Amino acid sequence: MSSAKFAAMTASLLARKGDAAPSLVAPAITLPRPALVTCKVQPAAPEPPPFPKTEQSDRLRRIVVSITQDELEKLGIAAIKKGISRHDIVRGALEEYFRKLAAELPQPCACMDGGACRC
């Protein structure tokens, strides 16, 4: 392999503090920025949790859920329109699912309603 030869580093190539300026080799091209679109949707007030929190439920745990790029984009758009985070939407969807599941079970289950387990 051949090695490329570079110019020697000299004091004329360095800029002192405060003396830096744009390069004169190529003029800077400024591109027009797109205008920001304002959204008139008012963020909804966050809803209180359906059951009182305990010390155990105060601590958030992390899980990994694989979703498609389309689902991620829809989740992000919904979060912006609602004025809440993507995490809040997913947690709310889980709460709603557990509420519906508790109603579908043949026997009442306090576990699904956030109460003490008596199963």
PDB file of N, CA and C in Angstrom:
ATOM      1  N   MET A   1       0.840  -1.190   0.000  1.00  0.00           N
ATOM      2  CA  MET A   1       0.000   0.000   0.000  1.00  0.00           C
ATOM      3  C   MET A   1       0.877   1.243   0.000  1.00  0.00           C
ATOM      4  N   SER A   2       0.472   2.234  -0.722  1.00  0.00           N
ATOM      5  CA  SER A   2       1.219   3.487  -0.712  1.00  0.00           C
ATOM      6  C   SER A   2       0.606   4.423   0.310  1.00  0.00           C
ATOM      7  N   SER A   3       1.441   5.170   0.961  1.00  0.00           N
ATOM      8  CA  SER A   3       0.930   6.111   1.953  1.00  0.00           C
ATOM      9  C   SER A   3       0.818   7.487   1.322  1.00  0.00           C
ATOM     10  N   ALA A   4      -0.254   8.180   1.646  1.00  0.00           N
ATOM     11  CA  ALA A   4      -0.491   9.517   1.106  1.00  0.00           C
ATOM     12  C   ALA A   4       0.373  10.516   1.853  1.00  0.00           C
ATOM     13  N   LYS A   5       0.831  11.517   1.167  1.00  0.00           N
ATOM     14  CA  LYS A   5       1.649  12.558   1.785  1.00  0.00           C
ATOM     15  C   LYS A   5       0.757  13.752   2.093  1.00  0.00           C
ATOM     16  N   PHE A   6       0.885  14.258   3.290  1.00  0.00           N
ATOM     17  CA  PHE A   6       0.109  15.400   3.723  1.00  0.00           C
ATOM     18  C   PHE A   6       1.019  16.576   3.989  1.00  0.00           C
ATOM     19  N   ALA A   7       0.441  17.763   3.976  1.00  0.00           N
ATOM     20  CA  ALA A   7       1.215  18.968   4.257  1.00  0.00           C
ATOM     21  C   ALA A   7       1.635  18.968   5.715  1.00  0.00           C
ATOM     22  N   ALA A   8       2.740  19.564   5.991  1.00  0.00           N
ATOM     23  CA  ALA A   8       3.239  19.658   7.358  1.00  0.00           C
ATOM     24  C   ALA A   8       2.374  20.643   8.144  1.00  0.00           C
ATOM     25  N   MET A   9       2.202  20.354   9.417  1.00  0.00           N
ATOM     26  CA  MET A   9       1.417  21.220  10.296  1.00  0.00           C
ATOM     27  C   MET A   9       2.301  22.405  10.692  1.00  0.00           C
ATOM     28  N   THR A  10       1.897  23.591  10.281  1.00  0.00           N
ATOM     29  CA  THR A  10       2.670  24.791  10.610  1.00  0.00           C
ATOM     30  C   THR A  10       1.779  25.777  11.345  1.00  0.00           C
ATOM     31  N   ALA A  11       2.379  26.774  11.914  1.00  0.00           N
ATOM     32  CA  ALA A  11       1.646  27.780  12.676  1.00  0.00           C
ATOM     33  C   ALA A  11       0.670  28.550  11.793  1.00  0.00           C
ATOM     34  N   SER A  12       0.949  28.660  10.511  1.00  0.00           N
ATOM     35  CA  SER A  12       0.049  29.406   9.624  1.00  0.00           C
ATOM     36  C   SER A  12      -1.269  28.662   9.386  1.00  0.00           C
ATOM     37  N   LEU A  13      -1.281  27.350   9.643  1.00  0.00           N
ATOM     38  CA  LEU A  13      -2.508  26.574   9.464  1.00  0.00           C
ATOM     39  C   LEU A  13      -3.413  26.630  10.685  1.00  0.00           C
ATOM     40  N   LEU A  14      -2.901  27.051  11.806  1.00  0.00           N
ATOM     41  CA  LEU A  14      -3.664  27.079  13.052  1.00  0.00           C
ATOM     42  C   LEU A  14      -4.321  28.437  13.261  1.00  0.00           C
ATOM     43  N   ALA A  15      -5.412  28.445  13.948  1.00  0.00           N
ATOM     44  CA  ALA A  15      -6.106  29.688  14.286  1.00  0.00           C
ATOM     45  C   ALA A  15      -5.959  29.918  15.777  1.00  0.00           C
ATOM     46  N   ARG A  16      -5.702  31.170  16.135  1.00  0.00           N
ATOM     47  CA  ARG A  16      -5.635  31.506  17.552  1.00  0.00           C
ATOM     48  C   ARG A  16      -7.036  31.742  18.066  1.00  0.00           C
ATOM     49  N   LYS A  17      -7.198  31.651  19.361  1.00  0.00           N
ATOM     50  CA  LYS A  17      -8.506  31.839  19.972  1.00  0.00           C
ATOM     51  C   LYS A  17      -9.074  33.199  19.580  1.00  0.00           C
ATOM     52  N   GLY A  18     -10.268  33.204  19.041  1.00  0.00           N
ATOM     53  CA  GLY A  18     -10.929  34.438  18.646  1.00  0.00           C
ATOM     54  C   GLY A  18     -10.672  34.844  17.205  1.00  0.00           C
ATOM     55  N   ASP A  19      -9.692  34.205  16.540  1.00  0.00           N
ATOM     56  CA  ASP A  19      -9.357  34.548  15.161  1.00  0.00           C
ATOM     57  C   ASP A  19      -9.970  33.591  14.143  1.00  0.00           C
ATOM     58  N   ALA A  20     -10.731  32.616  14.595  1.00  0.00           N
ATOM     59  CA  ALA A  20     -11.301  31.635  13.675  1.00  0.00           C
ATOM     60  C   ALA A  20     -12.319  32.297  12.756  1.00  0.00           C
ATOM     61  N   ALA A  21     -12.340  31.888  11.500  1.00  0.00           N
ATOM     62  CA  ALA A  21     -13.258  32.439  10.503  1.00  0.00           C
ATOM     63  C   ALA A  21     -13.631  31.324   9.533  1.00  0.00           C
ATOM     64  N   PRO A  22     -14.742  31.467   8.818  1.00  0.00           N
ATOM     65  CA  PRO A  22     -15.117  30.454   7.831  1.00  0.00           C
ATOM     66  C   PRO A  22     -14.075  30.343   6.729  1.00  0.00           C
ATOM     67  N   SER A  23     -13.988  29.168   6.147  1.00  0.00           N
ATOM     68  CA  SER A  23     -13.037  28.916   5.075  1.00  0.00           C
ATOM     69  C   SER A  23     -13.417  29.733   3.842  1.00  0.00           C
ATOM     70  N   LEU A  24     -12.408  30.205   3.132  1.00  0.00           N
ATOM     71  CA  LEU A  24     -12.641  30.971   1.917  1.00  0.00           C
ATOM     72  C   LEU A  24     -12.593  30.088   0.681  1.00  0.00           C
ATOM     73  N   VAL A  25     -12.374  28.793   0.865  1.00  0.00           N
ATOM     74  CA  VAL A  25     -12.262  27.876  -0.260  1.00  0.00           C
ATOM     75  C   VAL A  25     -13.597  27.769  -0.993  1.00  0.00           C
ATOM     76  N   ALA A  26     -14.686  27.532  -0.268  1.00  0.00           N
ATOM     77  CA  ALA A  26     -16.002  27.430  -0.887  1.00  0.00           C
ATOM     78  C   ALA A  26     -16.964  28.311  -0.102  1.00  0.00           C
ATOM     79  N   PRO A  27     -17.767  29.108  -0.801  1.00  0.00           N
ATOM     80  CA  PRO A  27     -18.708  29.960  -0.075  1.00  0.00           C
ATOM     81  C   PRO A  27     -19.775  29.114   0.617  1.00  0.00           C
ATOM     82  N   ALA A  28     -20.184  29.572   1.765  1.00  0.00           N
ATOM     83  CA  ALA A  28     -21.212  28.854   2.523  1.00  0.00           C
ATOM     84  C   ALA A  28     -22.564  29.019   1.828  1.00  0.00           C
ATOM     85  N   ILE A  29     -23.272  27.924   1.696  1.00  0.00           N
ATOM     86  CA  ILE A  29     -24.599  27.940   1.074  1.00  0.00           C
ATOM     87  C   ILE A  29     -25.619  27.771   2.184  1.00  0.00           C
ATOM     88  N   THR A  30     -26.509  28.733   2.285  1.00  0.00           N
ATOM     89  CA  THR A  30     -27.548  28.623   3.303  1.00  0.00           C
ATOM     90  C   THR A  30     -28.830  28.149   2.632  1.00  0.00           C
ATOM     91  N   LEU A  31     -29.352  27.053   3.153  1.00  0.00           N
ATOM     92  CA  LEU A  31     -30.595  26.516   2.614  1.00  0.00           C
ATOM     93  C   LEU A  31     -31.764  27.056   3.418  1.00  0.00           C
ATOM     94  N   PRO A  32     -32.885  27.326   2.766  1.00  0.00           N
ATOM     95  CA  PRO A  32     -34.036  27.830   3.521  1.00  0.00           C
ATOM     96  C   PRO A  32     -34.584  26.726   4.422  1.00  0.00           C
ATOM     97  N   ARG A  33     -34.935  27.093   5.627  1.00  0.00           N
ATOM     98  CA  ARG A  33     -35.503  26.138   6.566  1.00  0.00           C
ATOM     99  C   ARG A  33     -37.007  26.062   6.358  1.00  0.00           C
ATOM    100  N   PRO A  34     -37.575  24.854   6.476  1.00  0.00           N
ATOM    101  CA  PRO A  34     -39.029  24.756   6.350  1.00  0.00           C
ATOM    102  C   PRO A  34     -39.705  25.418   7.547  1.00  0.00           C
ATOM    103  N   ALA A  35     -40.848  25.987   7.297  1.00  0.00           N
ATOM    104  CA  ALA A  35     -41.584  26.671   8.362  1.00  0.00           C
ATOM    105  C   ALA A  35     -42.145  25.642   9.332  1.00  0.00           C
ATOM    106  N   LEU A  36     -42.134  25.981  10.615  1.00  0.00           N
ATOM    107  CA  LEU A  36     -42.703  25.096  11.620  1.00  0.00           C
ATOM    108  C   LEU A  36     -44.218  25.172  11.568  1.00  0.00           C
ATOM    109  N   VAL A  37     -44.853  24.041  11.685  1.00  0.00           N
ATOM    110  CA  VAL A  37     -46.307  23.972  11.679  1.00  0.00           C
ATOM    111  C   VAL A  37     -46.768  23.894  13.124  1.00  0.00           C
ATOM    112  N   THR A  38     -47.631  24.801  13.513  1.00  0.00           N
ATOM    113  CA  THR A  38     -48.129  24.776  14.879  1.00  0.00           C
ATOM    114  C   THR A  38     -49.380  23.929  14.950  1.00  0.00           C
ATOM    115  N   CYS A  39     -49.530  23.244  16.046  1.00  0.00           N
ATOM    116  CA  CYS A  39     -50.671  22.360  16.248  1.00  0.00           C
ATOM    117  C   CYS A  39     -51.631  23.037  17.217  1.00  0.00           C
ATOM    118  N   LYS A  40     -52.905  23.074  16.889  1.00  0.00           N
ATOM    119  CA  LYS A  40     -53.892  23.744  17.726  1.00  0.00           C
ATOM    120  C   LYS A  40     -54.558  22.792  18.720  1.00  0.00           C
ATOM    121  N   VAL A  41     -54.091  21.534  18.773  1.00  0.00           N
ATOM    122  CA  VAL A  41     -54.677  20.559  19.683  1.00  0.00           C
ATOM    123  C   VAL A  41     -54.187  20.847  21.103  1.00  0.00           C
ATOM    124  N   GLN A  42     -55.107  20.969  22.024  1.00  0.00           N
ATOM    125  CA  GLN A  42     -54.755  21.209  23.416  1.00  0.00           C
ATOM    126  C   GLN A  42     -54.407  19.893  24.087  1.00  0.00           C
ATOM    127  N   PRO A  43     -53.296  19.835  24.844  1.00  0.00           N
ATOM    128  CA  PRO A  43     -52.956  18.582  25.509  1.00  0.00           C
ATOM    129  C   PRO A  43     -53.987  18.236  26.573  1.00  0.00           C
ATOM    130  N   ALA A  44     -54.330  16.970  26.623  1.00  0.00           N
ATOM    131  CA  ALA A  44     -55.306  16.493  27.603  1.00  0.00           C
ATOM    132  C   ALA A  44     -54.649  16.385  28.968  1.00  0.00           C
ATOM    133  N   ALA A  45     -55.428  16.636  29.999  1.00  0.00           N
ATOM    134  CA  ALA A  45     -54.912  16.502  31.354  1.00  0.00           C
ATOM    135  C   ALA A  45     -54.710  15.023  31.661  1.00  0.00           C
ATOM    136  N   PRO A  46     -53.598  14.672  32.305  1.00  0.00           N
ATOM    137  CA  PRO A  46     -53.376  13.264  32.605  1.00  0.00           C
ATOM    138  C   PRO A  46     -54.431  12.747  33.578  1.00  0.00           C
ATOM    139  N   GLU A  47     -54.902  11.524  33.320  1.00  0.00           N
ATOM    140  CA  GLU A  47     -55.920  10.928  34.172  1.00  0.00           C
ATOM    141  C   GLU A  47     -55.266  10.287  35.385  1.00  0.00           C
ATOM    142  N   PRO A  48     -55.925  10.346  36.538  1.00  0.00           N
ATOM    143  CA  PRO A  48     -55.363   9.689  37.713  1.00  0.00           C
ATOM    144  C   PRO A  48     -55.438   8.177  37.543  1.00  0.00           C
ATOM    145  N   PRO A  49     -54.549   7.440  38.216  1.00  0.00           N
ATOM    146  CA  PRO A  49     -54.596   5.982  38.087  1.00  0.00           C
ATOM    147  C   PRO A  49     -55.903   5.444  38.648  1.00  0.00           C
ATOM    148  N   PRO A  50     -56.402   4.298  38.118  1.00  0.00           N
ATOM    149  CA  PRO A  50     -57.694   3.778  38.544  1.00  0.00           C
ATOM    150  C   PRO A  50     -57.682   3.188  39.951  1.00  0.00           C
ATOM    151  N   PHE A  51     -56.522   2.955  40.522  1.00  0.00           N
ATOM    152  CA  PHE A  51     -56.454   2.394  41.865  1.00  0.00           C
ATOM    153  C   PHE A  51     -55.335   3.070  42.632  1.00  0.00           C
ATOM    154  N   PRO A  52     -55.414   3.105  43.964  1.00  0.00           N
ATOM    155  CA  PRO A  52     -54.359   3.756  44.725  1.00  0.00           C
ATOM    156  C   PRO A  52     -53.036   3.006  44.592  1.00  0.00           C
ATOM    157  N   LYS A  53     -51.966   3.769  44.517  1.00  0.00           N
ATOM    158  CA  LYS A  53     -50.653   3.173  44.357  1.00  0.00           C
ATOM    159  C   LYS A  53     -50.129   2.681  45.699  1.00  0.00           C
ATOM    160  N   THR A  54     -49.412   1.598  45.641  1.00  0.00           N
ATOM    161  CA  THR A  54     -48.742   1.080  46.820  1.00  0.00           C
ATOM    162  C   THR A  54     -47.244   1.266  46.618  1.00  0.00           C
ATOM    163  N   GLU A  55     -46.459   0.934  47.627  1.00  0.00           N
ATOM    164  CA  GLU A  55     -45.014   1.065  47.479  1.00  0.00           C
ATOM    165  C   GLU A  55     -44.507   0.204  46.327  1.00  0.00           C
ATOM    166  N   GLN A  56     -45.088  -0.982  46.178  1.00  0.00           N
ATOM    167  CA  GLN A  56     -44.649  -1.887  45.131  1.00  0.00           C
ATOM    168  C   GLN A  56     -45.014  -1.353  43.747  1.00  0.00           C
ATOM    169  N   SER A  57     -46.195  -0.757  43.571  1.00  0.00           N
ATOM    170  CA  SER A  57     -46.609  -0.288  42.250  1.00  0.00           C
ATOM    171  C   SER A  57     -45.999   1.059  41.891  1.00  0.00           C
ATOM    172  N   ASP A  58     -45.431   1.792  42.856  1.00  0.00           N
ATOM    173  CA  ASP A  58     -44.778   3.065  42.554  1.00  0.00           C
ATOM    174  C   ASP A  58     -43.507   2.867  41.733  1.00  0.00           C
ATOM    175  N   ARG A  59     -42.867   1.746  41.917  1.00  0.00           N
ATOM    176  CA  ARG A  59     -41.595   1.507  41.256  1.00  0.00           C
ATOM    177  C   ARG A  59     -41.846   0.979  39.847  1.00  0.00           C
ATOM    178  N   LEU A  60     -41.405   1.717  38.847  1.00  0.00           N
ATOM    179  CA  LEU A  60     -41.605   1.302  37.458  1.00  0.00           C
ATOM    180  C   LEU A  60     -40.557   0.273  37.066  1.00  0.00           C
ATOM    181  N   ARG A  61     -40.972  -0.704  36.300  1.00  0.00           N
ATOM    182  CA  ARG A  61     -40.079  -1.740  35.781  1.00  0.00           C
ATOM    183  C   ARG A  61     -39.983  -1.580  34.274  1.00  0.00           C
ATOM    184  N   ARG A  62     -38.879  -2.010  33.697  1.00  0.00           N
ATOM    185  CA  ARG A  62     -38.689  -1.909  32.254  1.00  0.00           C
ATOM    186  C   ARG A  62     -38.872  -3.260  31.597  1.00  0.00           C
ATOM    187  N   ILE A  63     -39.518  -3.242  30.432  1.00  0.00           N
ATOM    188  CA  ILE A  63     -39.614  -4.425  29.588  1.00  0.00           C
ATOM    189  C   ILE A  63     -39.303  -3.990  28.165  1.00  0.00           C
ATOM    190  N   VAL A  64     -39.040  -4.948  27.303  1.00  0.00           N
ATOM    191  CA  VAL A  64     -38.768  -4.652  25.903  1.00  0.00           C
ATOM    192  C   VAL A  64     -39.923  -5.210  25.075  1.00  0.00           C
ATOM    193  N   VAL A  65     -40.498  -4.372  24.247  1.00  0.00           N
ATOM    194  CA  VAL A  65     -41.582  -4.775  23.356  1.00  0.00           C
ATOM    195  C   VAL A  65     -41.155  -4.421  21.941  1.00  0.00           C
ATOM    196  N   SER A  66     -41.160  -5.401  21.072  1.00  0.00           N
ATOM    197  CA  SER A  66     -40.784  -5.167  19.680  1.00  0.00           C
ATOM    198  C   SER A  66     -42.011  -4.711  18.892  1.00  0.00           C
ATOM    199  N   ILE A  67     -41.885  -3.578  18.207  1.00  0.00           N
ATOM    200  CA  ILE A  67     -42.971  -3.063  17.373  1.00  0.00           C
ATOM    201  C   ILE A  67     -42.390  -2.678  16.019  1.00  0.00           C
ATOM    202  N   THR A  68     -43.254  -2.582  15.033  1.00  0.00           N
ATOM    203  CA  THR A  68     -42.810  -2.219  13.688  1.00  0.00           C
ATOM    204  C   THR A  68     -42.539  -0.718  13.615  1.00  0.00           C
ATOM    205  N   GLN A  69     -41.891  -0.309  12.542  1.00  0.00           N
ATOM    206  CA  GLN A  69     -41.613   1.115  12.334  1.00  0.00           C
ATOM    207  C   GLN A  69     -42.915   1.903  12.213  1.00  0.00           C
ATOM    208  N   ASP A  70     -43.918   1.333  11.538  1.00  0.00           N
ATOM    209  CA  ASP A  70     -45.213   2.004  11.394  1.00  0.00           C
ATOM    210  C   ASP A  70     -45.883   2.197  12.758  1.00  0.00           C
ATOM    211  N   GLU A  71     -45.834   1.167  13.598  1.00  0.00           N
ATOM    212  CA  GLU A  71     -46.431   1.273  14.930  1.00  0.00           C
ATOM    213  C   GLU A  71     -45.707   2.321  15.768  1.00  0.00           C
ATOM    214  N   LEU A  72     -44.381   2.371  15.636  1.00  0.00           N
ATOM    215  CA  LEU A  72     -43.602   3.369  16.369  1.00  0.00           C
ATOM    216  C   LEU A  72     -43.967   4.784  15.923  1.00  0.00           C
ATOM    217  N   GLU A  73     -44.140   4.972  14.622  1.00  0.00           N
ATOM    218  CA  GLU A  73     -44.519   6.290  14.115  1.00  0.00           C
ATOM    219  C   GLU A  73     -45.915   6.678  14.594  1.00  0.00           C
ATOM    220  N   LYS A  74     -46.865   5.733  14.541  1.00  0.00           N
ATOM    221  CA  LYS A  74     -48.223   6.025  15.018  1.00  0.00           C
ATOM    222  C   LYS A  74     -48.220   6.358  16.501  1.00  0.00           C
ATOM    223  N   LEU A  75     -47.424   5.623  17.265  1.00  0.00           N
ATOM    224  CA  LEU A  75     -47.319   5.884  18.701  1.00  0.00           C
ATOM    225  C   LEU A  75     -46.760   7.276  18.964  1.00  0.00           C
ATOM    226  N   GLY A  76     -45.734   7.650  18.213  1.00  0.00           N
ATOM    227  CA  GLY A  76     -45.150   8.985  18.361  1.00  0.00           C
ATOM    228  C   GLY A  76     -46.116  10.092  17.990  1.00  0.00           C
ATOM    229  N   ILE A  77     -46.856   9.899  16.910  1.00  0.00           N
ATOM    230  CA  ILE A  77     -47.843  10.898  16.475  1.00  0.00           C
ATOM    231  C   ILE A  77     -48.947  11.044  17.513  1.00  0.00           C
ATOM    232  N   ALA A  78     -49.426   9.896  18.025  1.00  0.00           N
ATOM    233  CA  ALA A  78     -50.475   9.937  19.052  1.00  0.00           C
ATOM    234  C   ALA A  78     -49.981  10.643  20.306  1.00  0.00           C
ATOM    235  N   ALA A  79     -48.734  10.403  20.679  1.00  0.00           N
ATOM    236  CA  ALA A  79     -48.178  11.049  21.870  1.00  0.00           C
ATOM    237  C   ALA A  79     -48.118  12.561  21.695  1.00  0.00           C
ATOM    238  N   ILE A  80     -47.725  13.009  20.514  1.00  0.00           N
ATOM    239  CA  ILE A  80     -47.657  14.449  20.255  1.00  0.00           C
ATOM    240  C   ILE A  80     -49.054  15.060  20.275  1.00  0.00           C
ATOM    241  N   LYS A  81     -50.007  14.395  19.624  1.00  0.00           N
ATOM    242  CA  LYS A  81     -51.373  14.935  19.571  1.00  0.00           C
ATOM    243  C   LYS A  81     -52.022  14.972  20.950  1.00  0.00           C
ATOM    244  N   LYS A  82     -51.723  13.984  21.799  1.00  0.00           N
ATOM    245  CA  LYS A  82     -52.310  13.936  23.140  1.00  0.00           C
ATOM    246  C   LYS A  82     -51.516  14.775  24.142  1.00  0.00           C
ATOM    247  N   GLY A  83     -50.288  15.136  23.798  1.00  0.00           N
ATOM    248  CA  GLY A  83     -49.461  15.924  24.716  1.00  0.00           C
ATOM    249  C   GLY A  83     -48.913  15.103  25.873  1.00  0.00           C
ATOM    250  N   ILE A  84     -48.754  13.787  25.662  1.00  0.00           N
ATOM    251  CA  ILE A  84     -48.199  12.914  26.694  1.00  0.00           C
ATOM    252  C   ILE A  84     -47.087  12.079  26.067  1.00  0.00           C
ATOM    253  N   SER A  85     -46.379  11.316  26.885  1.00  0.00           N
ATOM    254  CA  SER A  85     -45.271  10.522  26.359  1.00  0.00           C
ATOM    255  C   SER A  85     -45.767   9.206  25.772  1.00  0.00           C
ATOM    256  N   ARG A  86     -44.919   8.597  24.950  1.00  0.00           N
ATOM    257  CA  ARG A  86     -45.243   7.294  24.377  1.00  0.00           C
ATOM    258  C   ARG A  86     -45.402   6.257  25.482  1.00  0.00           C
ATOM    259  N   HIS A  87     -44.579   6.381  26.516  1.00  0.00           N
ATOM    260  CA  HIS A  87     -44.655   5.455  27.645  1.00  0.00           C
ATOM    261  C   HIS A  87     -46.021   5.531  28.326  1.00  0.00           C
ATOM    262  N   ASP A  88     -46.536   6.749  28.496  1.00  0.00           N
ATOM    263  CA  ASP A  88     -47.847   6.916  29.135  1.00  0.00           C
ATOM    264  C   ASP A  88     -48.958   6.277  28.297  1.00  0.00           C
ATOM    265  N   ILE A  89     -48.851   6.377  26.982  1.00  0.00           N
ATOM    266  CA  ILE A  89     -49.852   5.763  26.114  1.00  0.00           C
ATOM    267  C   ILE A  89     -49.825   4.248  26.264  1.00  0.00           C
ATOM    268  N   VAL A  90     -48.632   3.664  26.264  1.00  0.00           N
ATOM    269  CA  VAL A  90     -48.523   2.208  26.383  1.00  0.00           C
ATOM    270  C   VAL A  90     -49.005   1.747  27.758  1.00  0.00           C
ATOM    271  N   ARG A  91     -48.631   2.465  28.815  1.00  0.00           N
ATOM    272  CA  ARG A  91     -49.102   2.086  30.159  1.00  0.00           C
ATOM    273  C   ARG A  91     -50.615   2.225  30.251  1.00  0.00           C
ATOM    274  N   GLY A  92     -51.191   3.259  29.663  1.00  0.00           N
ATOM    275  CA  GLY A  92     -52.642   3.427  29.663  1.00  0.00           C
ATOM    276  C   GLY A  92     -53.337   2.306  28.898  1.00  0.00           C
ATOM    277  N   ALA A  93     -52.733   1.897  27.777  1.00  0.00           N
ATOM    278  CA  ALA A  93     -53.311   0.800  26.997  1.00  0.00           C
ATOM    279  C   ALA A  93     -53.286  -0.499  27.804  1.00  0.00           C
ATOM    280  N   LEU A  94     -52.219  -0.742  28.553  1.00  0.00           N
ATOM    281  CA  LEU A  94     -52.154  -1.932  29.402  1.00  0.00           C
ATOM    282  C   LEU A  94     -53.211  -1.882  30.500  1.00  0.00           C
ATOM    283  N   GLU A  95     -53.369  -0.721  31.129  1.00  0.00           N
ATOM    284  CA  GLU A  95     -54.395  -0.579  32.169  1.00  0.00           C
ATOM    285  C   GLU A  95     -55.786  -0.863  31.601  1.00  0.00           C
ATOM    286  N   GLU A  96     -56.058  -0.344  30.408  1.00  0.00           N
ATOM    287  CA  GLU A  96     -57.350  -0.564  29.765  1.00  0.00           C
ATOM    288  C   GLU A  96     -57.542  -2.046  29.431  1.00  0.00           C
ATOM    289  N   TYR A  97     -56.487  -2.695  28.954  1.00  0.00           N
ATOM    290  CA  TYR A  97     -56.573  -4.117  28.627  1.00  0.00           C
ATOM    291  C   TYR A  97     -56.870  -4.936  29.890  1.00  0.00           C
ATOM    292  N   PHE A  98     -56.172  -4.648  30.984  1.00  0.00           N
ATOM    293  CA  PHE A  98     -56.402  -5.397  32.220  1.00  0.00           C
ATOM    294  C   PHE A  98     -57.813  -5.157  32.761  1.00  0.00           C
ATOM    295  N   ARG A  99     -58.328  -3.935  32.603  1.00  0.00           N
ATOM    296  CA  ARG A  99     -59.692  -3.626  33.041  1.00  0.00           C
ATOM    297  C   ARG A  99     -60.701  -4.454  32.244  1.00  0.00           C
ATOM    298  N   LYS A 100     -60.521  -4.516  30.931  1.00  0.00           N
ATOM    299  CA  LYS A 100     -61.426  -5.301  30.087  1.00  0.00           C
ATOM    300  C   LYS A 100     -61.280  -6.796  30.367  1.00  0.00           C
ATOM    301  N   LEU A 101     -60.055  -7.243  30.613  1.00  0.00           N
ATOM    302  CA  LEU A 101     -59.829  -8.650  30.906  1.00  0.00           C
ATOM    303  C   LEU A 101     -60.532  -9.047  32.197  1.00  0.00           C
ATOM    304  N   ALA A 102     -60.479  -8.191  33.211  1.00  0.00           N
ATOM    305  CA  ALA A 102     -61.142  -8.483  34.479  1.00  0.00           C
ATOM    306  C   ALA A 102     -62.650  -8.623  34.288  1.00  0.00           C
ATOM    307  N   ALA A 103     -63.230  -7.832  33.379  1.00  0.00           N
ATOM    308  CA  ALA A 103     -64.673  -7.901  33.122  1.00  0.00           C
ATOM    309  C   ALA A 103     -65.045  -9.165  32.347  1.00  0.00           C
ATOM    310  N   GLU A 104     -64.114  -9.689  31.549  1.00  0.00           N
ATOM    311  CA  GLU A 104     -64.384 -10.870  30.742  1.00  0.00           C
ATOM    312  C   GLU A 104     -64.219 -12.182  31.505  1.00  0.00           C
ATOM    313  N   LEU A 105     -63.487 -12.155  32.612  1.00  0.00           N
ATOM    314  CA  LEU A 105     -63.235 -13.386  33.358  1.00  0.00           C
ATOM    315  C   LEU A 105     -64.535 -13.923  33.961  1.00  0.00           C
ATOM    316  N   PRO A 106     -64.670 -15.257  34.056  1.00  0.00           N
ATOM    317  CA  PRO A 106     -65.913 -15.826  34.580  1.00  0.00           C
ATOM    318  C   PRO A 106     -66.147 -15.487  36.056  1.00  0.00           C
ATOM    319  N   GLN A 107     -65.091 -15.327  36.821  1.00  0.00           N
ATOM    320  CA  GLN A 107     -65.216 -14.957  38.238  1.00  0.00           C
ATOM    321  C   GLN A 107     -64.467 -13.657  38.464  1.00  0.00           C
ATOM    322  N   PRO A 108     -64.968 -12.801  39.351  1.00  0.00           N
ATOM    323  CA  PRO A 108     -64.255 -11.547  39.626  1.00  0.00           C
ATOM    324  C   PRO A 108     -62.847 -11.833  40.151  1.00  0.00           C
ATOM    325  N   CYS A 109     -61.901 -11.049  39.707  1.00  0.00           N
ATOM    326  CA  CYS A 109     -60.506 -11.229  40.125  1.00  0.00           C
ATOM    327  C   CYS A 109     -59.959  -9.885  40.567  1.00  0.00           C
ATOM    328  N   ALA A 110     -59.675  -9.777  41.853  1.00  0.00           N
ATOM    329  CA  ALA A 110     -59.152  -8.524  42.394  1.00  0.00           C
ATOM    330  C   ALA A 110     -57.751  -8.232  41.876  1.00  0.00           C
ATOM    331  N   CYS A 111     -57.038  -9.275  41.454  1.00  0.00           N
ATOM    332  CA  CYS A 111     -55.676  -9.081  40.929  1.00  0.00           C
ATOM    333  C   CYS A 111     -55.681  -8.143  39.720  1.00  0.00           C
ATOM    334  N   MET A 112     -56.660  -8.313  38.831  1.00  0.00           N
ATOM    335  CA  MET A 112     -56.730  -7.500  37.627  1.00  0.00           C
ATOM    336  C   MET A 112     -57.208  -6.082  37.913  1.00  0.00           C
ATOM    337  N   ASP A 113     -57.891  -5.888  39.044  1.00  0.00           N
ATOM    338  CA  ASP A 113     -58.384  -4.559  39.401  1.00  0.00           C
ATOM    339  C   ASP A 113     -57.396  -3.797  40.279  1.00  0.00           C
ATOM    340  N   GLY A 114     -56.231  -4.392  40.536  1.00  0.00           N
ATOM    341  CA  GLY A 114     -55.229  -3.718  41.352  1.00  0.00           C
ATOM    342  C   GLY A 114     -55.362  -3.984  42.827  1.00  0.00           C
ATOM    343  N   GLY A 115     -56.235  -4.887  43.206  1.00  0.00           N
ATOM    344  CA  GLY A 115     -56.423  -5.216  44.618  1.00  0.00           C
ATOM    345  C   GLY A 115     -55.546  -6.391  45.039  1.00  0.00           C
ATOM    346  N   ALA A 116     -55.767  -6.880  46.241  1.00  0.00           N
ATOM    347  CA  ALA A 116     -55.012  -8.000  46.755  1.00  0.00           C
ATOM    348  C   ALA A 116     -55.462  -9.290  46.074  1.00  0.00           C
ATOM    349  N   CYS A 117     -54.536 -10.173  45.822  1.00  0.00           N
ATOM    350  CA  CYS A 117     -54.830 -11.437  45.143  1.00  0.00           C
ATOM    351  C   CYS A 117     -55.523 -12.390  46.109  1.00  0.00           C
ATOM    352  N   ARG A 118     -56.683 -12.919  45.687  1.00  0.00           N
ATOM    353  CA  ARG A 118     -57.415 -13.911  46.465  1.00  0.00           C
ATOM    354  C   ARG A 118     -57.671 -15.161  45.640  1.00  0.00           C
ATOM    355  N   CYS A 119     -56.920 -15.335  44.577  1.00  0.00           N
ATOM    356  CA  CYS A 119     -57.128 -16.481  43.681  1.00  0.00           C
ATOM    357  C   CYS A 119     -56.622 -17.769  44.321  1.00  0.00           C
TER     358      CYS A 119
END
